[in-house]
Structures are given as structure tokens and as C-alpha cells.
Amino acid sequence: MKKIRQAVVLAMGVVMSVSCSAESVESQTEQSPKVDASVDNSALITSKVKELVGVGPDSIANSPVNGLLEVVAANQVFYLTDNADYMFFGHIYDVNAGMKDITEASLGQVRLDAIAPFEKDAIEFKAEDEKHVITVFTDYSCGYCKKLHSEVDELNDAGITVRYLAWPRAGLGTDNYRNMVSIWCSDDPKEALSRAKAVSNPTFSGETCENTVAEQFNAGRKLGVRGTPAIIFDNGKLVPGYKPAEVLIDEIFAAE
């Protein structure tokens, strides 16, 4: 069973490319399940998910495929047969709706729900004529994050607001984490973040305050973030790693 659980957890992982990677792994916390009233075997499914994944499901619902349940656990979406005998990882497409990706729609909402509590805690670079908002998990020491930050004005000019969430790559309890706290706790977080990304060896004031840097980091982990930048569009699409501003702009407006 241990080998099966490891295989399941591996299947739930997300590989991040063109990004600055992390150096530590944080555990995930269990959520209380939300179950559709039409699901008959919720107790059985809950037990099976705990057995296989190690945490209970966040939600259980009927999928568009008869006999297949959509399960959200640890902020990932997968499927179980209603008798819990078979598990499926992958995307379901509706061929009668232009190959609509049903799974990605569910994942997008999971991501938006996960980052919503941190909206007021984000360091925001707001577009004057805002048409879209992207949320970026970032680290001041990441070269690709610095490159993306140098293009924020271009994104703003296109009507795209950039909200940064903290994702210290070295993990919690490190100097990297404490420096991120210092940025978030500074009198002018926007200026502090921009300054830290502008130089090779920035210095930090060591300021502390009540903050959610650790919670932001863990939220990213639960979404499968393994490196920075990790970009979430306002429709929930996840873009792992850096892309040039002109490419991002095209993709964001194409996703409307």
C-alpha cells in the first residue's frame, strides 16, 4: 500500500518548467469534504481517498461520465469509479462542446478558491485600465521572476494587473523566507519588492509584522507549484514558469 500511495502522490504532482525551483517540501493539510447530495457512496470514497492519498477529499461530485466521480484532494482533481475500485488521473473532454476540457475547468476553480483568501495580502501592481488580473507566486532571488518583473509595465499598459504572492524557494524558516517577510512587512512593499529584484545581492531591514507569507507559500504548494514564477490567470489557468510579456498578453486575452 505504501508503494501505491507513493505512485498516486507522484501522479498528482505538477512539474514546473522555465522556473526557479524550490529546495524544500512542505506537508499538506487535510480539508473537510464537501459532498454533492447526489453522491451515494461518499463514506466509501472518503475512506478510499484517505487510504490512497494520505489525506481526505476536499470535495466529491458526480462527473459528466456515468459511474465516475470527480474528487478534489490536496487541490488536485482526479476520478474514482462510484464503487471506489478504479482511480483515474487525466483530463476529461466534452467532444460535443468543442473538446471542452472539463477537468481544467474544475482545476481552475480550485486554484482561484485557493488564492482568493490572499487578495488583500498580495503586492499589487495595478493597471489603470484593468481588463484582467494575474496572480504570480514569486521570489525576489529568482532570475526568471526578475525578468518577468521588468515587464510589469508592459503588462499594466495592456490592462493586466499583476498581484504577487510570496513563494520563498528555500522554504519556511530560512533566510530566504525571512527576507520575503521583510518585503511584505515593509512600509512600501511594492518598492521593497522592486528593489530586491533589481540587484544581485539585496539587503533587507529584517522588519516583521503579522503576515501570511507562510500561508501563501503553502497554498502554492497545494496547487502543485514547485518553482517561480508560477502564474494564475483570472480564469484559473496555471502557467508554470516564465513567459515573455507579449506571449502572456496574447494568452490571457485568448483565454477570455
C-alpha atoms as a PDB file:
ATOM      1  CA  MET A   1       0.000   0.000   0.000  1.00  0.00           C
ATOM      2  CA  LYS A   2       2.918   2.378   0.694  1.00  0.00           C
ATOM      3  CA  LYS A   3       4.173   1.945  -2.884  1.00  0.00           C
ATOM      4  CA  ILE A   4       0.664   2.514  -4.238  1.00  0.00           C
ATOM      5  CA  ARG A   5       0.322   5.716  -2.202  1.00  0.00           C
ATOM      6  CA  GLN A   6       3.698   6.958  -3.442  1.00  0.00           C
ATOM      7  CA  ALA A   7       2.636   6.298  -7.033  1.00  0.00           C
ATOM      8  CA  VAL A   8      -0.633   8.164  -6.504  1.00  0.00           C
ATOM      9  CA  VAL A   9       1.108  11.154  -4.923  1.00  0.00           C
ATOM     10  CA  LEU A  10       3.613  11.193  -7.797  1.00  0.00           C
ATOM     11  CA  ALA A  11       0.768  11.174 -10.301  1.00  0.00           C
ATOM     12  CA  MET A  12      -0.761  14.176  -8.545  1.00  0.00           C
ATOM     13  CA  GLY A  13       2.467  16.165  -8.778  1.00  0.00           C
ATOM     14  CA  VAL A  14       2.968  19.040 -11.216  1.00  0.00           C
ATOM     15  CA  VAL A  15       6.359  19.591 -12.893  1.00  0.00           C
ATOM     16  CA  MET A  16       7.262  23.262 -13.257  1.00  0.00           C
ATOM     17  CA  SER A  17       9.412  24.314 -16.240  1.00  0.00           C
ATOM     18  CA  VAL A  18      11.327  27.517 -17.050  1.00  0.00           C
ATOM     19  CA  SER A  19      11.211  28.450 -13.391  1.00  0.00           C
ATOM     20  CA  CYS A  20      13.348  28.805 -10.291  1.00  0.00           C
ATOM     21  CA  SER A  21      12.871  25.632  -8.256  1.00  0.00           C
ATOM     22  CA  ALA A  22      12.297  25.100  -4.550  1.00  0.00           C
ATOM     23  CA  GLU A  23      14.679  23.452  -2.132  1.00  0.00           C
ATOM     24  CA  SER A  24      12.205  22.045   0.395  1.00  0.00           C
ATOM     25  CA  VAL A  25       8.878  20.224   0.526  1.00  0.00           C
ATOM     26  CA  GLU A  26       6.014  21.111   2.870  1.00  0.00           C
ATOM     27  CA  SER A  27       3.309  18.726   4.005  1.00  0.00           C
ATOM     28  CA  GLN A  28      -0.329  19.275   3.046  1.00  0.00           C
ATOM     29  CA  THR A  29      -3.166  19.664   5.488  1.00  0.00           C
ATOM     30  CA  GLU A  30      -6.429  17.768   5.342  1.00  0.00           C
ATOM     31  CA  GLN A  31      -9.633  19.561   4.385  1.00  0.00           C
ATOM     32  CA  SER A  32     -13.221  18.782   5.398  1.00  0.00           C
ATOM     33  CA  PRO A  33     -15.003  17.122   2.463  1.00  0.00           C
ATOM     34  CA  LYS A  34     -17.850  18.813   0.604  1.00  0.00           C
ATOM     35  CA  VAL A  35     -20.104  16.194  -0.938  1.00  0.00           C
ATOM     36  CA  ASP A  36     -22.819  16.560  -3.579  1.00  0.00           C
ATOM     37  CA  ALA A  37     -26.180  15.331  -2.299  1.00  0.00           C
ATOM     38  CA  SER A  38     -26.481  13.035  -5.327  1.00  0.00           C
ATOM     39  CA  VAL A  39     -23.354  11.027  -4.378  1.00  0.00           C
ATOM     40  CA  ASP A  40     -24.349   7.750  -2.717  1.00  0.00           C
ATOM     41  CA  ASN A  41     -21.011   6.299  -1.595  1.00  0.00           C
ATOM     42  CA  SER A  42     -19.348   9.349  -0.051  1.00  0.00           C
ATOM     43  CA  ALA A  43     -18.189   7.497   3.071  1.00  0.00           C
ATOM     44  CA  LEU A  44     -16.587   4.763   0.974  1.00  0.00           C
ATOM     45  CA  ILE A  45     -14.937   7.294  -1.363  1.00  0.00           C
ATOM     46  CA  THR A  46     -13.655   9.366   1.564  1.00  0.00           C
ATOM     47  CA  SER A  47     -12.129   6.288   3.167  1.00  0.00           C
ATOM     48  CA  LYS A  48     -10.534   5.142  -0.096  1.00  0.00           C
ATOM     49  CA  VAL A  49      -9.043   8.570  -0.836  1.00  0.00           C
ATOM     50  CA  LYS A  50      -7.521   8.770   2.643  1.00  0.00           C
ATOM     51  CA  GLU A  51      -6.097   5.282   2.167  1.00  0.00           C
ATOM     52  CA  LEU A  52      -4.581   6.027  -1.235  1.00  0.00           C
ATOM     53  CA  VAL A  53      -3.560   9.668  -0.986  1.00  0.00           C
ATOM     54  CA  GLY A  54      -2.970  10.094   2.719  1.00  0.00           C
ATOM     55  CA  VAL A  55      -5.452  12.974   3.109  1.00  0.00           C
ATOM     56  CA  GLY A  56      -9.210  13.142   2.895  1.00  0.00           C
ATOM     57  CA  PRO A  57     -11.022  14.657  -0.102  1.00  0.00           C
ATOM     58  CA  ASP A  58     -11.938  18.315  -0.223  1.00  0.00           C
ATOM     59  CA  SER A  59     -14.975  17.546  -2.366  1.00  0.00           C
ATOM     60  CA  ILE A  60     -16.743  14.662  -4.101  1.00  0.00           C
ATOM     61  CA  ALA A  61     -19.112  15.194  -7.010  1.00  0.00           C
ATOM     62  CA  ASN A  62     -20.607  13.305  -9.922  1.00  0.00           C
ATOM     63  CA  SER A  63     -18.632  13.868 -13.122  1.00  0.00           C
ATOM     64  CA  PRO A  64     -20.304  14.143 -16.572  1.00  0.00           C
ATOM     65  CA  VAL A  65     -19.349  10.485 -17.133  1.00  0.00           C
ATOM     66  CA  ASN A  66     -21.821   7.990 -15.703  1.00  0.00           C
ATOM     67  CA  GLY A  67     -20.353   5.994 -12.815  1.00  0.00           C
ATOM     68  CA  LEU A  68     -17.311   8.262 -12.460  1.00  0.00           C
ATOM     69  CA  LEU A  69     -16.904  10.616  -9.526  1.00  0.00           C
ATOM     70  CA  GLU A  70     -14.807  13.787  -9.594  1.00  0.00           C
ATOM     71  CA  VAL A  71     -12.677  14.084  -6.471  1.00  0.00           C
ATOM     72  CA  VAL A  72     -10.688  17.095  -5.285  1.00  0.00           C
ATOM     73  CA  ALA A  73      -7.963  16.255  -2.772  1.00  0.00           C
ATOM     74  CA  ALA A  74      -4.898  18.304  -1.865  1.00  0.00           C
ATOM     75  CA  ASN A  75      -6.059  20.822  -4.510  1.00  0.00           C
ATOM     76  CA  GLN A  76      -5.784  18.280  -7.331  1.00  0.00           C
ATOM     77  CA  VAL A  77      -8.608  16.794  -9.407  1.00  0.00           C
ATOM     78  CA  PHE A  78      -8.887  13.091 -10.190  1.00  0.00           C
ATOM     79  CA  TYR A  79     -11.600  10.487 -10.679  1.00  0.00           C
ATOM     80  CA  LEU A  80     -12.868   7.360  -8.940  1.00  0.00           C
ATOM     81  CA  THR A  81     -15.486   4.884 -10.015  1.00  0.00           C
ATOM     82  CA  ASP A  82     -18.528   5.053  -7.766  1.00  0.00           C
ATOM     83  CA  ASN A  83     -17.594   1.696  -6.204  1.00  0.00           C
ATOM     84  CA  ALA A  84     -14.071   3.017  -5.478  1.00  0.00           C
ATOM     85  CA  ASP A  85     -12.456   0.125  -7.358  1.00  0.00           C
ATOM     86  CA  TYR A  86     -10.723   2.216 -10.022  1.00  0.00           C
ATOM     87  CA  MET A  87      -8.891   5.561  -9.977  1.00  0.00           C
ATOM     88  CA  PHE A  88      -8.177   7.743 -12.991  1.00  0.00           C
ATOM     89  CA  PHE A  89      -5.743  10.652 -13.398  1.00  0.00           C
ATOM     90  CA  GLY A  90      -6.138  12.731 -16.518  1.00  0.00           C
ATOM     91  CA  HIS A  91      -8.419  15.193 -18.269  1.00  0.00           C
ATOM     92  CA  ILE A  92     -11.978  14.587 -19.434  1.00  0.00           C
ATOM     93  CA  TYR A  93     -13.010  16.388 -22.629  1.00  0.00           C
ATOM     94  CA  ASP A  94     -16.567  17.036 -23.807  1.00  0.00           C
ATOM     95  CA  VAL A  95     -16.421  16.108 -27.526  1.00  0.00           C
ATOM     96  CA  ASN A  96     -19.866  17.641 -28.117  1.00  0.00           C
ATOM     97  CA  ALA A  97     -18.766  21.028 -26.760  1.00  0.00           C
ATOM     98  CA  GLY A  98     -15.750  21.636 -28.958  1.00  0.00           C
ATOM     99  CA  MET A  99     -13.466  19.409 -26.860  1.00  0.00           C
ATOM    100  CA  LYS A 100     -14.071  21.485 -23.749  1.00  0.00           C
ATOM    101  CA  ASP A 101     -11.646  20.446 -21.011  1.00  0.00           C
ATOM    102  CA  ILE A 102     -13.962  19.586 -18.112  1.00  0.00           C
ATOM    103  CA  THR A 103     -11.090  18.773 -15.744  1.00  0.00           C
ATOM    104  CA  GLU A 104      -9.221  22.009 -16.384  1.00  0.00           C
ATOM    105  CA  ALA A 105     -12.378  23.981 -15.610  1.00  0.00           C
ATOM    106  CA  SER A 106     -12.578  22.251 -12.233  1.00  0.00           C
ATOM    107  CA  LEU A 107      -8.860  22.770 -11.591  1.00  0.00           C
ATOM    108  CA  GLY A 108      -9.175  26.442 -12.484  1.00  0.00           C
ATOM    109  CA  GLN A 109     -11.832  26.962  -9.838  1.00  0.00           C
ATOM    110  CA  VAL A 110      -9.733  25.065  -7.289  1.00  0.00           C
ATOM    111  CA  ARG A 111      -6.830  27.441  -7.951  1.00  0.00           C
ATOM    112  CA  LEU A 112      -8.982  30.558  -7.738  1.00  0.00           C
ATOM    113  CA  ASP A 113     -10.500  29.380  -4.462  1.00  0.00           C
ATOM    114  CA  ALA A 114      -7.027  28.679  -3.058  1.00  0.00           C
ATOM    115  CA  ILE A 115      -5.622  32.147  -3.786  1.00  0.00           C
ATOM    116  CA  ALA A 116      -8.775  34.159  -3.017  1.00  0.00           C
ATOM    117  CA  PRO A 117      -8.041  34.495   0.742  1.00  0.00           C
ATOM    118  CA  PHE A 118      -4.759  36.288  -0.049  1.00  0.00           C
ATOM    119  CA  GLU A 119      -6.089  39.023  -2.332  1.00  0.00           C
ATOM    120  CA  LYS A 120      -5.636  41.724   0.314  1.00  0.00           C
ATOM    121  CA  ASP A 121      -2.170  40.407   1.189  1.00  0.00           C
ATOM    122  CA  ALA A 122      -0.834  40.449  -2.376  1.00  0.00           C
ATOM    123  CA  ILE A 123       1.670  43.049  -3.535  1.00  0.00           C
ATOM    124  CA  GLU A 124      -0.266  44.542  -6.408  1.00  0.00           C
ATOM    125  CA  PHE A 125       0.872  46.429  -9.486  1.00  0.00           C
ATOM    126  CA  LYS A 126      -2.460  47.670 -10.777  1.00  0.00           C
ATOM    127  CA  ALA A 127      -3.273  48.505 -14.388  1.00  0.00           C
ATOM    128  CA  GLU A 128      -5.017  51.839 -14.930  1.00  0.00           C
ATOM    129  CA  ASP A 129      -7.459  50.369 -17.432  1.00  0.00           C
ATOM    130  CA  GLU A 130      -7.777  46.957 -15.779  1.00  0.00           C
ATOM    131  CA  LYS A 131      -9.113  44.196 -18.013  1.00  0.00           C
ATOM    132  CA  HIS A 132      -7.522  41.161 -16.384  1.00  0.00           C
ATOM    133  CA  VAL A 133      -5.724  40.206 -13.163  1.00  0.00           C
ATOM    134  CA  ILE A 134      -2.947  37.633 -12.915  1.00  0.00           C
ATOM    135  CA  THR A 135      -1.600  36.246  -9.652  1.00  0.00           C
ATOM    136  CA  VAL A 136       2.090  35.364  -9.604  1.00  0.00           C
ATOM    137  CA  PHE A 137       3.875  33.254  -6.987  1.00  0.00           C
ATOM    138  CA  THR A 138       7.265  34.948  -6.810  1.00  0.00           C
ATOM    139  CA  ASP A 139      10.651  35.025  -5.089  1.00  0.00           C
ATOM    140  CA  TYR A 140      12.948  38.062  -5.121  1.00  0.00           C
ATOM    141  CA  SER A 141      16.008  35.829  -5.728  1.00  0.00           C
ATOM    142  CA  CYS A 142      14.629  34.085  -8.832  1.00  0.00           C
ATOM    143  CA  GLY A 143      16.164  35.224 -12.111  1.00  0.00           C
ATOM    144  CA  TYR A 144      13.036  34.444 -14.102  1.00  0.00           C
ATOM    145  CA  CYS A 145      10.954  36.386 -11.560  1.00  0.00           C
ATOM    146  CA  LYS A 146      13.230  39.390 -12.037  1.00  0.00           C
ATOM    147  CA  LYS A 147      12.821  39.121 -15.798  1.00  0.00           C
ATOM    148  CA  LEU A 148       9.036  38.963 -15.508  1.00  0.00           C
ATOM    149  CA  HIS A 149       9.031  41.893 -13.074  1.00  0.00           C
ATOM    150  CA  SER A 150      10.971  44.012 -15.567  1.00  0.00           C
ATOM    151  CA  GLU A 151       7.975  43.581 -17.902  1.00  0.00           C
ATOM    152  CA  VAL A 152       5.241  44.535 -15.411  1.00  0.00           C
ATOM    153  CA  ASP A 153       4.824  47.981 -17.006  1.00  0.00           C
ATOM    154  CA  GLU A 154       4.177  46.293 -20.357  1.00  0.00           C
ATOM    155  CA  LEU A 155       1.552  44.054 -18.751  1.00  0.00           C
ATOM    156  CA  ASN A 156      -0.053  47.037 -16.987  1.00  0.00           C
ATOM    157  CA  ASP A 157      -0.165  49.008 -20.249  1.00  0.00           C
ATOM    158  CA  ALA A 158      -2.106  46.103 -21.778  1.00  0.00           C
ATOM    159  CA  GLY A 159      -4.665  46.328 -18.954  1.00  0.00           C
ATOM    160  CA  ILE A 160      -3.306  43.457 -16.879  1.00  0.00           C
ATOM    161  CA  THR A 161      -2.951  43.904 -13.124  1.00  0.00           C
ATOM    162  CA  VAL A 162      -0.179  41.840 -11.519  1.00  0.00           C
ATOM    163  CA  ARG A 163      -0.688  40.516  -7.984  1.00  0.00           C
ATOM    164  CA  TYR A 164       2.319  38.912  -6.333  1.00  0.00           C
ATOM    165  CA  LEU A 165       2.107  36.197  -3.690  1.00  0.00           C
ATOM    166  CA  ALA A 166       5.193  35.132  -1.743  1.00  0.00           C
ATOM    167  CA  TRP A 167       6.825  31.818  -2.541  1.00  0.00           C
ATOM    168  CA  PRO A 168      10.260  31.639  -0.836  1.00  0.00           C
ATOM    169  CA  ARG A 169      12.081  28.944  -2.800  1.00  0.00           C
ATOM    170  CA  ALA A 170      14.359  27.883   0.058  1.00  0.00           C
ATOM    171  CA  GLY A 171      11.332  27.018   2.199  1.00  0.00           C
ATOM    172  CA  LEU A 172       9.955  28.204   5.510  1.00  0.00           C
ATOM    173  CA  GLY A 173      12.255  29.129   8.388  1.00  0.00           C
ATOM    174  CA  THR A 174      15.128  30.103   6.078  1.00  0.00           C
ATOM    175  CA  ASP A 175      16.851  33.455   5.457  1.00  0.00           C
ATOM    176  CA  ASN A 176      15.046  33.490   2.116  1.00  0.00           C
ATOM    177  CA  TYR A 177      11.714  33.212   3.928  1.00  0.00           C
ATOM    178  CA  ARG A 178      12.650  35.899   6.485  1.00  0.00           C
ATOM    179  CA  ASN A 179      13.676  38.248   3.676  1.00  0.00           C
ATOM    180  CA  MET A 180      10.338  37.709   1.969  1.00  0.00           C
ATOM    181  CA  VAL A 181       8.600  38.549   5.256  1.00  0.00           C
ATOM    182  CA  SER A 182      10.701  41.714   5.438  1.00  0.00           C
ATOM    183  CA  ILE A 183       9.499  42.724   1.971  1.00  0.00           C
ATOM    184  CA  TRP A 184       5.852  42.050   2.793  1.00  0.00           C
ATOM    185  CA  CYS A 185       6.176  43.918   6.111  1.00  0.00           C
ATOM    186  CA  SER A 186       7.968  46.995   4.772  1.00  0.00           C
ATOM    187  CA  ASP A 187       6.314  50.422   4.711  1.00  0.00           C
ATOM    188  CA  ASP A 188       6.184  50.222   0.905  1.00  0.00           C
ATOM    189  CA  PRO A 189       6.067  46.548  -0.163  1.00  0.00           C
ATOM    190  CA  LYS A 190       5.917  47.424  -3.874  1.00  0.00           C
ATOM    191  CA  GLU A 191       9.088  49.448  -3.659  1.00  0.00           C
ATOM    192  CA  ALA A 192      10.797  46.854  -1.438  1.00  0.00           C
ATOM    193  CA  LEU A 193       9.994  44.021  -3.853  1.00  0.00           C
ATOM    194  CA  SER A 194      11.094  46.013  -6.883  1.00  0.00           C
ATOM    195  CA  ARG A 195      14.343  46.993  -5.165  1.00  0.00           C
ATOM    196  CA  ALA A 196      15.085  43.405  -4.100  1.00  0.00           C
ATOM    197  CA  LYS A 197      14.579  42.183  -7.660  1.00  0.00           C
ATOM    198  CA  ALA A 198      16.700  44.948  -9.174  1.00  0.00           C
ATOM    199  CA  VAL A 199      20.074  43.999  -7.657  1.00  0.00           C
ATOM    200  CA  SER A 200      22.158  40.837  -7.268  1.00  0.00           C
ATOM    201  CA  ASN A 201      22.677  40.956  -3.500  1.00  0.00           C
ATOM    202  CA  PRO A 202      19.904  43.000  -1.918  1.00  0.00           C
ATOM    203  CA  THR A 203      19.922  43.916   1.753  1.00  0.00           C
ATOM    204  CA  PHE A 204      16.861  43.708   3.972  1.00  0.00           C
ATOM    205  CA  SER A 205      15.671  45.606   7.001  1.00  0.00           C
ATOM    206  CA  GLY A 206      14.560  42.486   8.851  1.00  0.00           C
ATOM    207  CA  GLU A 207      11.138  44.005   9.500  1.00  0.00           C
ATOM    208  CA  THR A 208       8.453  41.662  10.782  1.00  0.00           C
ATOM    209  CA  CYS A 209       4.728  42.000  11.229  1.00  0.00           C
ATOM    210  CA  GLU A 210       1.582  39.916  11.198  1.00  0.00           C
ATOM    211  CA  ASN A 211       1.706  38.356   7.739  1.00  0.00           C
ATOM    212  CA  THR A 212       0.579  35.407   5.610  1.00  0.00           C
ATOM    213  CA  VAL A 213       3.839  34.662   3.770  1.00  0.00           C
ATOM    214  CA  ALA A 214       3.921  31.092   5.104  1.00  0.00           C
ATOM    215  CA  GLU A 215       0.264  30.566   4.220  1.00  0.00           C
ATOM    216  CA  GLN A 216       0.859  31.917   0.702  1.00  0.00           C
ATOM    217  CA  PHE A 217       3.779  29.529   0.251  1.00  0.00           C
ATOM    218  CA  ASN A 218       1.753  26.546   1.458  1.00  0.00           C
ATOM    219  CA  ALA A 219      -1.176  27.492  -0.773  1.00  0.00           C
ATOM    220  CA  GLY A 220       1.175  27.398  -3.744  1.00  0.00           C
ATOM    221  CA  ARG A 221       2.499  24.007  -2.669  1.00  0.00           C
ATOM    222  CA  LYS A 222      -1.011  22.599  -2.511  1.00  0.00           C
ATOM    223  CA  LEU A 223      -1.626  23.823  -6.051  1.00  0.00           C
ATOM    224  CA  GLY A 224       1.439  21.975  -7.284  1.00  0.00           C
ATOM    225  CA  VAL A 225       3.763  24.976  -7.509  1.00  0.00           C
ATOM    226  CA  ARG A 226       7.354  23.764  -7.479  1.00  0.00           C
ATOM    227  CA  GLY A 227       9.133  26.845  -8.755  1.00  0.00           C
ATOM    228  CA  THR A 228       8.783  30.535  -9.526  1.00  0.00           C
ATOM    229  CA  PRO A 229       7.291  32.345 -11.253  1.00  0.00           C
ATOM    230  CA  ALA A 230       4.015  30.445 -11.302  1.00  0.00           C
ATOM    231  CA  ILE A 231       1.236  32.467 -12.898  1.00  0.00           C
ATOM    232  CA  ILE A 232      -2.508  32.029 -12.413  1.00  0.00           C
ATOM    233  CA  PHE A 233      -4.843  33.766 -14.864  1.00  0.00           C
ATOM    234  CA  ASP A 234      -8.177  35.172 -13.711  1.00  0.00           C
ATOM    235  CA  ASN A 235      -9.922  32.159 -15.269  1.00  0.00           C
ATOM    236  CA  GLY A 236      -7.810  29.826 -13.087  1.00  0.00           C
ATOM    237  CA  LYS A 237      -5.361  28.694 -15.774  1.00  0.00           C
ATOM    238  CA  LEU A 238      -1.905  27.920 -14.359  1.00  0.00           C
ATOM    239  CA  VAL A 239       1.180  28.873 -16.349  1.00  0.00           C
ATOM    240  CA  PRO A 240       4.290  27.278 -14.830  1.00  0.00           C
ATOM    241  CA  GLY A 241       7.427  29.334 -15.318  1.00  0.00           C
ATOM    242  CA  TYR A 242       8.391  32.473 -17.190  1.00  0.00           C
ATOM    243  CA  LYS A 243       6.914  33.633 -20.466  1.00  0.00           C
ATOM    244  CA  PRO A 244       7.668  36.953 -22.185  1.00  0.00           C
ATOM    245  CA  ALA A 245       5.090  39.682 -21.599  1.00  0.00           C
ATOM    246  CA  GLU A 246       3.897  39.725 -25.216  1.00  0.00           C
ATOM    247  CA  VAL A 247       3.235  35.968 -25.065  1.00  0.00           C
ATOM    248  CA  LEU A 248       1.414  36.256 -21.728  1.00  0.00           C
ATOM    249  CA  ILE A 249      -0.713  39.120 -23.022  1.00  0.00           C
ATOM    250  CA  ASP A 250      -1.829  37.068 -26.034  1.00  0.00           C
ATOM    251  CA  GLU A 251      -2.599  34.019 -23.868  1.00  0.00           C
ATOM    252  CA  ILE A 252      -4.507  36.000 -21.235  1.00  0.00           C
ATOM    253  CA  PHE A 253      -6.805  37.668 -23.777  1.00  0.00           C
ATOM    254  CA  ALA A 254      -7.199  34.420 -25.718  1.00  0.00           C
ATOM    255  CA  ALA A 255      -8.460  32.745 -22.522  1.00  0.00           C
ATOM    256  CA  GLU A 256     -11.376  35.158 -22.142  1.00  0.00           C
END
